[in-house]
Amino acid sequence: MMTVIVLTATVILLFREEWRIYAAGGFCLIYFIGAICSFLWLKSRLKQGALPFSESINELKKDREWLQPK
């Protein structure tokens, strides 16, 4: 993370003073688009995949059924 911050600051400081705000805005836009893409990717992965610990949950359901009095 520090590398990204230092690299961003270095690139922004390489621009002339009147263009620095545009460079900073460009980086903000790039990072914002990256965050949106990451969020959408994670959301789709959570919808596709199985629930975490699904096998353990199934085993606990079997145990509960077995322990129920008949």
PDB file of N, CA and C in Angstrom:
ATOM      1  N   MET A   1       0.822  -1.183   0.000  1.00  0.00           N
ATOM      2  CA  MET A   1       0.000   0.000   0.000  1.00  0.00           C
ATOM      3  C   MET A   1       0.874   1.257   0.000  1.00  0.00           C
ATOM      4  N   MET A   2       1.941   1.185   0.757  1.00  0.00           N
ATOM      5  CA  MET A   2       2.851   2.339   0.783  1.00  0.00           C
ATOM      6  C   MET A   2       3.453   2.581  -0.599  1.00  0.00           C
ATOM      7  N   THR A   3       3.738   1.514  -1.331  1.00  0.00           N
ATOM      8  CA  THR A   3       4.288   1.665  -2.676  1.00  0.00           C
ATOM      9  C   THR A   3       3.311   2.402  -3.580  1.00  0.00           C
ATOM     10  N   VAL A   4       2.046   2.049  -3.492  1.00  0.00           N
ATOM     11  CA  VAL A   4       1.029   2.713  -4.312  1.00  0.00           C
ATOM     12  C   VAL A   4       0.916   4.188  -3.933  1.00  0.00           C
ATOM     13  N   ILE A   5       0.944   4.487  -2.653  1.00  0.00           N
ATOM     14  CA  ILE A   5       0.838   5.874  -2.201  1.00  0.00           C
ATOM     15  C   ILE A   5       2.033   6.691  -2.664  1.00  0.00           C
ATOM     16  N   VAL A   6       3.234   6.151  -2.499  1.00  0.00           N
ATOM     17  CA  VAL A   6       4.441   6.878  -2.900  1.00  0.00           C
ATOM     18  C   VAL A   6       4.492   7.035  -4.415  1.00  0.00           C
ATOM     19  N   LEU A   7       4.133   5.990  -5.150  1.00  0.00           N
ATOM     20  CA  LEU A   7       4.128   6.077  -6.606  1.00  0.00           C
ATOM     21  C   LEU A   7       3.120   7.125  -7.089  1.00  0.00           C
ATOM     22  N   THR A   8       1.938   7.143  -6.494  1.00  0.00           N
ATOM     23  CA  THR A   8       0.927   8.131  -6.849  1.00  0.00           C
ATOM     24  C   THR A   8       1.428   9.543  -6.569  1.00  0.00           C
ATOM     25  N   ALA A   9       1.985   9.761  -5.394  1.00  0.00           N
ATOM     26  CA  ALA A   9       2.494  11.087  -5.047  1.00  0.00           C
ATOM     27  C   ALA A   9       3.628  11.505  -5.972  1.00  0.00           C
ATOM     28  N   THR A  10       4.490  10.570  -6.325  1.00  0.00           N
ATOM     29  CA  THR A  10       5.605  10.882  -7.223  1.00  0.00           C
ATOM     30  C   THR A  10       5.104  11.299  -8.596  1.00  0.00           C
ATOM     31  N   VAL A  11       4.156  10.557  -9.124  1.00  0.00           N
ATOM     32  CA  VAL A  11       3.616  10.892 -10.446  1.00  0.00           C
ATOM     33  C   VAL A  11       2.916  12.240 -10.410  1.00  0.00           C
ATOM     34  N   ILE A  12       2.151  12.502  -9.365  1.00  0.00           N
ATOM     35  CA  ILE A  12       1.456  13.788  -9.247  1.00  0.00           C
ATOM     36  C   ILE A  12       2.464  14.928  -9.162  1.00  0.00           C
ATOM     37  N   LEU A  13       3.530  14.744  -8.415  1.00  0.00           N
ATOM     38  CA  LEU A  13       4.527  15.801  -8.262  1.00  0.00           C
ATOM     39  C   LEU A  13       5.377  16.000  -9.521  1.00  0.00           C
ATOM     40  N   LEU A  14       5.397  15.043 -10.420  1.00  0.00           N
ATOM     41  CA  LEU A  14       6.124  15.203 -11.670  1.00  0.00           C
ATOM     42  C   LEU A  14       5.427  16.180 -12.623  1.00  0.00           C
ATOM     43  N   PHE A  15       4.119  16.351 -12.439  1.00  0.00           N
ATOM     44  CA  PHE A  15       3.383  17.297 -13.284  1.00  0.00           C
ATOM     45  C   PHE A  15       3.681  18.724 -12.846  1.00  0.00           C
ATOM     46  N   ARG A  16       3.521  19.636 -13.794  1.00  0.00           N
ATOM     47  CA  ARG A  16       3.664  21.044 -13.433  1.00  0.00           C
ATOM     48  C   ARG A  16       2.545  21.428 -12.485  1.00  0.00           C
ATOM     49  N   GLU A  17       2.752  22.501 -11.751  1.00  0.00           N
ATOM     50  CA  GLU A  17       1.839  22.888 -10.676  1.00  0.00           C
ATOM     51  C   GLU A  17       0.403  23.068 -11.152  1.00  0.00           C
ATOM     52  N   GLU A  18       0.201  23.628 -12.330  1.00  0.00           N
ATOM     53  CA  GLU A  18      -1.166  23.865 -12.798  1.00  0.00           C
ATOM     54  C   GLU A  18      -1.867  22.591 -13.274  1.00  0.00           C
ATOM     55  N   TRP A  19      -1.105  21.525 -13.505  1.00  0.00           N
ATOM     56  CA  TRP A  19      -1.690  20.266 -13.959  1.00  0.00           C
ATOM     57  C   TRP A  19      -1.807  19.226 -12.853  1.00  0.00           C
ATOM     58  N   ARG A  20      -1.293  19.504 -11.689  1.00  0.00           N
ATOM     59  CA  ARG A  20      -1.299  18.512 -10.587  1.00  0.00           C
ATOM     60  C   ARG A  20      -2.707  18.135 -10.151  1.00  0.00           C
ATOM     61  N   ILE A  21      -3.629  19.098 -10.147  1.00  0.00           N
ATOM     62  CA  ILE A  21      -4.989  18.796  -9.711  1.00  0.00           C
ATOM     63  C   ILE A  21      -5.645  17.803 -10.669  1.00  0.00           C
ATOM     64  N   TYR A  22      -5.321  17.915 -11.960  1.00  0.00           N
ATOM     65  CA  TYR A  22      -5.866  16.966 -12.934  1.00  0.00           C
ATOM     66  C   TYR A  22      -5.253  15.575 -12.759  1.00  0.00           C
ATOM     67  N   ALA A  23      -3.977  15.539 -12.456  1.00  0.00           N
ATOM     68  CA  ALA A  23      -3.324  14.246 -12.205  1.00  0.00           C
ATOM     69  C   ALA A  23      -3.916  13.582 -10.963  1.00  0.00           C
ATOM     70  N   ALA A  24      -4.123  14.367  -9.906  1.00  0.00           N
ATOM     71  CA  ALA A  24      -4.725  13.825  -8.683  1.00  0.00           C
ATOM     72  C   ALA A  24      -6.153  13.355  -8.951  1.00  0.00           C
ATOM     73  N   GLY A  25      -6.889  14.132  -9.723  1.00  0.00           N
ATOM     74  CA  GLY A  25      -8.251  13.730 -10.086  1.00  0.00           C
ATOM     75  C   GLY A  25      -8.265  12.457 -10.907  1.00  0.00           C
ATOM     76  N   GLY A  26      -7.294  12.320 -11.799  1.00  0.00           N
ATOM     77  CA  GLY A  26      -7.183  11.091 -12.593  1.00  0.00           C
ATOM     78  C   GLY A  26      -6.921   9.874 -11.730  1.00  0.00           C
ATOM     79  N   PHE A  27      -6.035  10.030 -10.771  1.00  0.00           N
ATOM     80  CA  PHE A  27      -5.778   8.910  -9.858  1.00  0.00           C
ATOM     81  C   PHE A  27      -7.009   8.586  -9.019  1.00  0.00           C
ATOM     82  N   CYS A  28      -7.713   9.604  -8.577  1.00  0.00           N
ATOM     83  CA  CYS A  28      -8.946   9.365  -7.813  1.00  0.00           C
ATOM     84  C   CYS A  28      -9.951   8.592  -8.652  1.00  0.00           C
ATOM     85  N   LEU A  29     -10.073   8.975  -9.910  1.00  0.00           N
ATOM     86  CA  LEU A  29     -10.992   8.283 -10.806  1.00  0.00           C
ATOM     87  C   LEU A  29     -10.568   6.830 -11.023  1.00  0.00           C
ATOM     88  N   ILE A  30      -9.293   6.613 -11.243  1.00  0.00           N
ATOM     89  CA  ILE A  30      -8.791   5.244 -11.439  1.00  0.00           C
ATOM     90  C   ILE A  30      -9.040   4.392 -10.199  1.00  0.00           C
ATOM     91  N   TYR A  31      -8.746   4.919  -9.023  1.00  0.00           N
ATOM     92  CA  TYR A  31      -8.939   4.147  -7.795  1.00  0.00           C
ATOM     93  C   TYR A  31     -10.426   3.913  -7.516  1.00  0.00           C
ATOM     94  N   PHE A  32     -11.280   4.888  -7.858  1.00  0.00           N
ATOM     95  CA  PHE A  32     -12.715   4.729  -7.660  1.00  0.00           C
ATOM     96  C   PHE A  32     -13.267   3.636  -8.572  1.00  0.00           C
ATOM     97  N   ILE A  33     -12.854   3.646  -9.832  1.00  0.00           N
ATOM     98  CA  ILE A  33     -13.295   2.606 -10.766  1.00  0.00           C
ATOM     99  C   ILE A  33     -12.785   1.234 -10.310  1.00  0.00           C
ATOM    100  N   GLY A  34     -11.555   1.182  -9.822  1.00  0.00           N
ATOM    101  CA  GLY A  34     -11.022  -0.079  -9.302  1.00  0.00           C
ATOM    102  C   GLY A  34     -11.808  -0.588  -8.102  1.00  0.00           C
ATOM    103  N   ALA A  35     -12.219   0.323  -7.231  1.00  0.00           N
ATOM    104  CA  ALA A  35     -13.001  -0.083  -6.059  1.00  0.00           C
ATOM    105  C   ALA A  35     -14.378  -0.602  -6.476  1.00  0.00           C
ATOM    106  N   ILE A  36     -14.999   0.043  -7.447  1.00  0.00           N
ATOM    107  CA  ILE A  36     -16.309  -0.414  -7.925  1.00  0.00           C
ATOM    108  C   ILE A  36     -16.186  -1.789  -8.580  1.00  0.00           C
ATOM    109  N   CYS A  37     -15.175  -1.964  -9.417  1.00  0.00           N
ATOM    110  CA  CYS A  37     -14.964  -3.270 -10.062  1.00  0.00           C
ATOM    111  C   CYS A  37     -14.706  -4.364  -9.030  1.00  0.00           C
ATOM    112  N   SER A  38     -13.913  -4.064  -8.028  1.00  0.00           N
ATOM    113  CA  SER A  38     -13.632  -5.045  -6.973  1.00  0.00           C
ATOM    114  C   SER A  38     -14.890  -5.403  -6.201  1.00  0.00           C
ATOM    115  N   PHE A  39     -15.720  -4.404  -5.913  1.00  0.00           N
ATOM    116  CA  PHE A  39     -16.965  -4.650  -5.195  1.00  0.00           C
ATOM    117  C   PHE A  39     -17.896  -5.530  -6.015  1.00  0.00           C
ATOM    118  N   LEU A  40     -18.048  -5.225  -7.299  1.00  0.00           N
ATOM    119  CA  LEU A  40     -18.926  -6.024  -8.153  1.00  0.00           C
ATOM    120  C   LEU A  40     -18.401  -7.446  -8.317  1.00  0.00           C
ATOM    121  N   TRP A  41     -17.084  -7.600  -8.445  1.00  0.00           N
ATOM    122  CA  TRP A  41     -16.497  -8.930  -8.548  1.00  0.00           C
ATOM    123  C   TRP A  41     -16.759  -9.738  -7.275  1.00  0.00           C
ATOM    124  N   LEU A  42     -16.554  -9.108  -6.118  1.00  0.00           N
ATOM    125  CA  LEU A  42     -16.776  -9.804  -4.854  1.00  0.00           C
ATOM    126  C   LEU A  42     -18.239 -10.171  -4.676  1.00  0.00           C
ATOM    127  N   LYS A  43     -19.125  -9.275  -5.069  1.00  0.00           N
ATOM    128  CA  LYS A  43     -20.565  -9.538  -4.959  1.00  0.00           C
ATOM    129  C   LYS A  43     -20.961 -10.732  -5.825  1.00  0.00           C
ATOM    130  N   SER A  44     -20.430 -10.806  -7.042  1.00  0.00           N
ATOM    131  CA  SER A  44     -20.753 -11.938  -7.914  1.00  0.00           C
ATOM    132  C   SER A  44     -20.159 -13.240  -7.379  1.00  0.00           C
ATOM    133  N   ARG A  45     -18.962 -13.163  -6.812  1.00  0.00           N
ATOM    134  CA  ARG A  45     -18.346 -14.370  -6.235  1.00  0.00           C
ATOM    135  C   ARG A  45     -19.157 -14.902  -5.055  1.00  0.00           C
ATOM    136  N   LEU A  46     -19.685 -13.984  -4.245  1.00  0.00           N
ATOM    137  CA  LEU A  46     -20.469 -14.419  -3.095  1.00  0.00           C
ATOM    138  C   LEU A  46     -21.788 -15.046  -3.523  1.00  0.00           C
ATOM    139  N   LYS A  47     -22.371 -14.567  -4.621  1.00  0.00           N
ATOM    140  CA  LYS A  47     -23.618 -15.147  -5.110  1.00  0.00           C
ATOM    141  C   LYS A  47     -23.391 -16.506  -5.748  1.00  0.00           C
ATOM    142  N   GLN A  48     -22.260 -16.698  -6.414  1.00  0.00           N
ATOM    143  CA  GLN A  48     -21.970 -17.943  -7.118  1.00  0.00           C
ATOM    144  C   GLN A  48     -21.569 -19.070  -6.185  1.00  0.00           C
ATOM    145  N   GLY A  49     -20.706 -18.757  -5.271  1.00  0.00           N
ATOM    146  CA  GLY A  49     -20.082 -19.785  -4.462  1.00  0.00           C
ATOM    147  C   GLY A  49     -20.988 -20.366  -3.399  1.00  0.00           C
ATOM    148  N   ALA A  50     -20.549 -21.461  -2.874  1.00  0.00           N
ATOM    149  CA  ALA A  50     -21.263 -22.104  -1.784  1.00  0.00           C
ATOM    150  C   ALA A  50     -21.059 -21.295  -0.500  1.00  0.00           C
ATOM    151  N   LEU A  51     -21.931 -21.507   0.427  1.00  0.00           N
ATOM    152  CA  LEU A  51     -21.800 -20.824   1.702  1.00  0.00           C
ATOM    153  C   LEU A  51     -20.543 -21.289   2.422  1.00  0.00           C
ATOM    154  N   PRO A  52     -19.914 -20.398   3.155  1.00  0.00           N
ATOM    155  CA  PRO A  52     -18.754 -20.838   3.929  1.00  0.00           C
ATOM    156  C   PRO A  52     -19.178 -21.879   4.967  1.00  0.00           C
ATOM    157  N   PHE A  53     -18.371 -22.869   5.159  1.00  0.00           N
ATOM    158  CA  PHE A  53     -18.619 -23.940   6.133  1.00  0.00           C
ATOM    159  C   PHE A  53     -19.900 -24.705   5.819  1.00  0.00           C
ATOM    160  N   SER A  54     -20.263 -24.826   4.533  1.00  0.00           N
ATOM    161  CA  SER A  54     -21.511 -25.514   4.181  1.00  0.00           C
ATOM    162  C   SER A  54     -21.475 -26.983   4.605  1.00  0.00           C
ATOM    163  N   GLU A  55     -20.340 -27.635   4.502  1.00  0.00           N
ATOM    164  CA  GLU A  55     -20.241 -29.029   4.931  1.00  0.00           C
ATOM    165  C   GLU A  55     -20.435 -29.153   6.440  1.00  0.00           C
ATOM    166  N   SER A  56     -19.867 -28.229   7.193  1.00  0.00           N
ATOM    167  CA  SER A  56     -20.044 -28.258   8.654  1.00  0.00           C
ATOM    168  C   SER A  56     -21.495 -28.029   9.027  1.00  0.00           C
ATOM    169  N   ILE A  57     -22.161 -27.123   8.327  1.00  0.00           N
ATOM    170  CA  ILE A  57     -23.579 -26.855   8.597  1.00  0.00           C
ATOM    171  C   ILE A  57     -24.405 -28.098   8.294  1.00  0.00           C
ATOM    172  N   ASN A  58     -24.101 -28.773   7.175  1.00  0.00           N
ATOM    173  CA  ASN A  58     -24.825 -30.007   6.849  1.00  0.00           C
ATOM    174  C   ASN A  58     -24.603 -31.076   7.912  1.00  0.00           C
ATOM    175  N   GLU A  59     -23.398 -31.205   8.408  1.00  0.00           N
ATOM    176  CA  GLU A  59     -23.115 -32.191   9.456  1.00  0.00           C
ATOM    177  C   GLU A  59     -23.867 -31.854  10.742  1.00  0.00           C
ATOM    178  N   LEU A  60     -23.918 -30.562  11.088  1.00  0.00           N
ATOM    179  CA  LEU A  60     -24.663 -30.177  12.289  1.00  0.00           C
ATOM    180  C   LEU A  60     -26.153 -30.457  12.136  1.00  0.00           C
ATOM    181  N   LYS A  61     -26.700 -30.282  10.944  1.00  0.00           N
ATOM    182  CA  LYS A  61     -28.108 -30.605  10.706  1.00  0.00           C
ATOM    183  C   LYS A  61     -28.357 -32.095  10.858  1.00  0.00           C
ATOM    184  N   LYS A  62     -27.435 -32.898  10.340  1.00  0.00           N
ATOM    185  CA  LYS A  62     -27.560 -34.351  10.498  1.00  0.00           C
ATOM    186  C   LYS A  62     -27.493 -34.745  11.969  1.00  0.00           C
ATOM    187  N   ASP A  63     -26.589 -34.139  12.706  1.00  0.00           N
ATOM    188  CA  ASP A  63     -26.463 -34.430  14.133  1.00  0.00           C
ATOM    189  C   ASP A  63     -27.738 -34.054  14.881  1.00  0.00           C
ATOM    190  N   ARG A  64     -28.296 -32.900  14.546  1.00  0.00           N
ATOM    191  CA  ARG A  64     -29.519 -32.459  15.220  1.00  0.00           C
ATOM    192  C   ARG A  64     -30.661 -33.423  14.934  1.00  0.00           C
ATOM    193  N   GLU A  65     -30.798 -33.869  13.675  1.00  0.00           N
ATOM    194  CA  GLU A  65     -31.841 -34.827  13.331  1.00  0.00           C
ATOM    195  C   GLU A  65     -31.634 -36.143  14.069  1.00  0.00           C
ATOM    196  N   TRP A  66     -30.414 -36.575  14.196  1.00  0.00           N
ATOM    197  CA  TRP A  66     -30.116 -37.838  14.857  1.00  0.00           C
ATOM    198  C   TRP A  66     -30.417 -37.763  16.355  1.00  0.00           C
ATOM    199  N   LEU A  67     -30.159 -36.591  16.959  1.00  0.00           N
ATOM    200  CA  LEU A  67     -30.357 -36.434  18.397  1.00  0.00           C
ATOM    201  C   LEU A  67     -31.817 -36.164  18.770  1.00  0.00           C
ATOM    202  N   GLN A  68     -32.657 -35.802  17.822  1.00  0.00           N
ATOM    203  CA  GLN A  68     -34.067 -35.533  18.113  1.00  0.00           C
ATOM    204  C   GLN A  68     -34.763 -36.816  18.553  1.00  0.00           C
ATOM    205  N   PRO A  69     -35.580 -36.735  19.618  1.00  0.00           N
ATOM    206  CA  PRO A  69     -36.332 -37.939  20.023  1.00  0.00           C
ATOM    207  C   PRO A  69     -37.416 -38.256  19.002  1.00  0.00           C
ATOM    208  N   LYS A  70     -37.613 -39.549  18.801  1.00  0.00           N
ATOM    209  CA  LYS A  70     -38.610 -39.968  17.808  1.00  0.00           C
ATOM    210  C   LYS A  70     -39.819 -40.559  18.446  1.00  0.00           C
TER     211      LYS A  70
END
